[in-house]
Amino acid sequence: MPKNKSAIGEKIRKYRLQKELSQDKLSKAADVAFHTIVKIESGDTPNPTIGTVKKIAAALGVSVDELLK
């Protein structure tokens, strides 16, 4: 059964690609595990914790609101 991508995962991927960051570089910049980024973007973790979202938003240079809209 195919998984649906989460809206937040799609936005993280969009901003990550705009900044020309790999998932590995983003994970290091955000200080979160690589597999966390992979799972969020793939939809395996459609509701990451707010702490994780804050770290990713800061690493991407966007607001938490931008990722949650």
C-alpha atoms as a PDB file:
ATOM      1  CA  MET A   1       0.000   0.000   0.000  1.00  0.00           C
ATOM      2  CA  PRO A   2       1.578   3.337  -1.019  1.00  0.00           C
ATOM      3  CA  LYS A   3       2.156   5.939   1.643  1.00  0.00           C
ATOM      4  CA  ASN A   4       0.856   9.462   1.280  1.00  0.00           C
ATOM      5  CA  LYS A   5       3.467  12.121   1.711  1.00  0.00           C
ATOM      6  CA  SER A   6       2.779  14.518   4.523  1.00  0.00           C
ATOM      7  CA  ALA A   7       2.366  18.216   3.810  1.00  0.00           C
ATOM      8  CA  ILE A   8       5.184  19.061   6.198  1.00  0.00           C
ATOM      9  CA  GLY A   9       7.429  16.467   4.576  1.00  0.00           C
ATOM     10  CA  GLU A  10       6.794  17.950   1.153  1.00  0.00           C
ATOM     11  CA  LYS A  11       7.549  21.464   2.409  1.00  0.00           C
ATOM     12  CA  ILE A  12      10.762  20.377   4.106  1.00  0.00           C
ATOM     13  CA  ARG A  13      11.853  18.694   0.891  1.00  0.00           C
ATOM     14  CA  LYS A  14      10.937  21.791  -1.167  1.00  0.00           C
ATOM     15  CA  TYR A  15      12.939  24.160   1.042  1.00  0.00           C
ATOM     16  CA  ARG A  16      15.819  21.682   1.335  1.00  0.00           C
ATOM     17  CA  LEU A  17      16.102  21.410  -2.449  1.00  0.00           C
ATOM     18  CA  GLN A  18      15.845  25.197  -2.863  1.00  0.00           C
ATOM     19  CA  LYS A  19      18.845  25.516  -0.538  1.00  0.00           C
ATOM     20  CA  GLU A  20      20.612  22.717  -2.434  1.00  0.00           C
ATOM     21  CA  LEU A  21      21.017  20.642   0.724  1.00  0.00           C
ATOM     22  CA  SER A  22      21.153  16.871   0.839  1.00  0.00           C
ATOM     23  CA  GLN A  23      19.136  15.075   3.489  1.00  0.00           C
ATOM     24  CA  ASP A  24      22.427  14.293   5.232  1.00  0.00           C
ATOM     25  CA  LYS A  25      23.541  17.950   5.281  1.00  0.00           C
ATOM     26  CA  LEU A  26      20.137  19.054   6.556  1.00  0.00           C
ATOM     27  CA  SER A  27      20.183  16.446   9.305  1.00  0.00           C
ATOM     28  CA  LYS A  28      23.600  17.662  10.459  1.00  0.00           C
ATOM     29  CA  ALA A  29      22.633  21.341  10.256  1.00  0.00           C
ATOM     30  CA  ALA A  30      19.419  20.699  12.201  1.00  0.00           C
ATOM     31  CA  ASP A  31      21.101  18.331  14.666  1.00  0.00           C
ATOM     32  CA  VAL A  32      18.555  15.589  14.045  1.00  0.00           C
ATOM     33  CA  ALA A  33      19.123  12.011  12.916  1.00  0.00           C
ATOM     34  CA  PHE A  34      19.415  11.415   9.176  1.00  0.00           C
ATOM     35  CA  HIS A  35      16.679   8.777   9.282  1.00  0.00           C
ATOM     36  CA  THR A  36      14.369  11.348  10.900  1.00  0.00           C
ATOM     37  CA  ILE A  37      14.644  13.613   7.839  1.00  0.00           C
ATOM     38  CA  VAL A  38      14.137  10.644   5.517  1.00  0.00           C
ATOM     39  CA  LYS A  39      11.068   9.438   7.436  1.00  0.00           C
ATOM     40  CA  ILE A  40       9.467  12.901   7.580  1.00  0.00           C
ATOM     41  CA  GLU A  41       9.998  13.546   3.862  1.00  0.00           C
ATOM     42  CA  SER A  42       8.759  10.083   2.873  1.00  0.00           C
ATOM     43  CA  GLY A  43       5.628  10.332   5.004  1.00  0.00           C
ATOM     44  CA  ASP A  44       6.642   7.580   7.448  1.00  0.00           C
ATOM     45  CA  THR A  45       6.598  10.243  10.186  1.00  0.00           C
ATOM     46  CA  PRO A  46       3.767  12.587   9.152  1.00  0.00           C
ATOM     47  CA  ASN A  47       3.605  14.333  12.556  1.00  0.00           C
ATOM     48  CA  PRO A  48       7.119  15.101  13.799  1.00  0.00           C
ATOM     49  CA  THR A  49       7.563  16.673  17.227  1.00  0.00           C
ATOM     50  CA  ILE A  50       7.543  20.453  17.465  1.00  0.00           C
ATOM     51  CA  GLY A  51      11.134  20.332  18.704  1.00  0.00           C
ATOM     52  CA  THR A  52      12.219  18.540  15.555  1.00  0.00           C
ATOM     53  CA  VAL A  53      10.240  20.949  13.369  1.00  0.00           C
ATOM     54  CA  LYS A  54      11.884  23.941  15.099  1.00  0.00           C
ATOM     55  CA  LYS A  55      15.365  22.529  14.475  1.00  0.00           C
ATOM     56  CA  ILE A  56      14.630  21.804  10.825  1.00  0.00           C
ATOM     57  CA  ALA A  57      13.029  25.220  10.278  1.00  0.00           C
ATOM     58  CA  ALA A  58      16.065  26.957  11.796  1.00  0.00           C
ATOM     59  CA  ALA A  59      18.446  24.933   9.612  1.00  0.00           C
ATOM     60  CA  LEU A  60      16.408  25.826   6.523  1.00  0.00           C
ATOM     61  CA  GLY A  61      16.125  29.503   7.488  1.00  0.00           C
ATOM     62  CA  VAL A  62      12.324  29.470   7.470  1.00  0.00           C
ATOM     63  CA  SER A  63       9.720  29.883  10.193  1.00  0.00           C
ATOM     64  CA  VAL A  64       7.938  26.983  11.808  1.00  0.00           C
ATOM     65  CA  ASP A  65       4.725  28.514  10.456  1.00  0.00           C
ATOM     66  CA  GLU A  66       6.031  28.163   6.889  1.00  0.00           C
ATOM     67  CA  LEU A  67       6.492  24.442   7.392  1.00  0.00           C
ATOM     68  CA  LEU A  68       3.133  23.948   9.098  1.00  0.00           C
ATOM     69  CA  LYS A  69       0.944  25.942   6.667  1.00  0.00           C
END
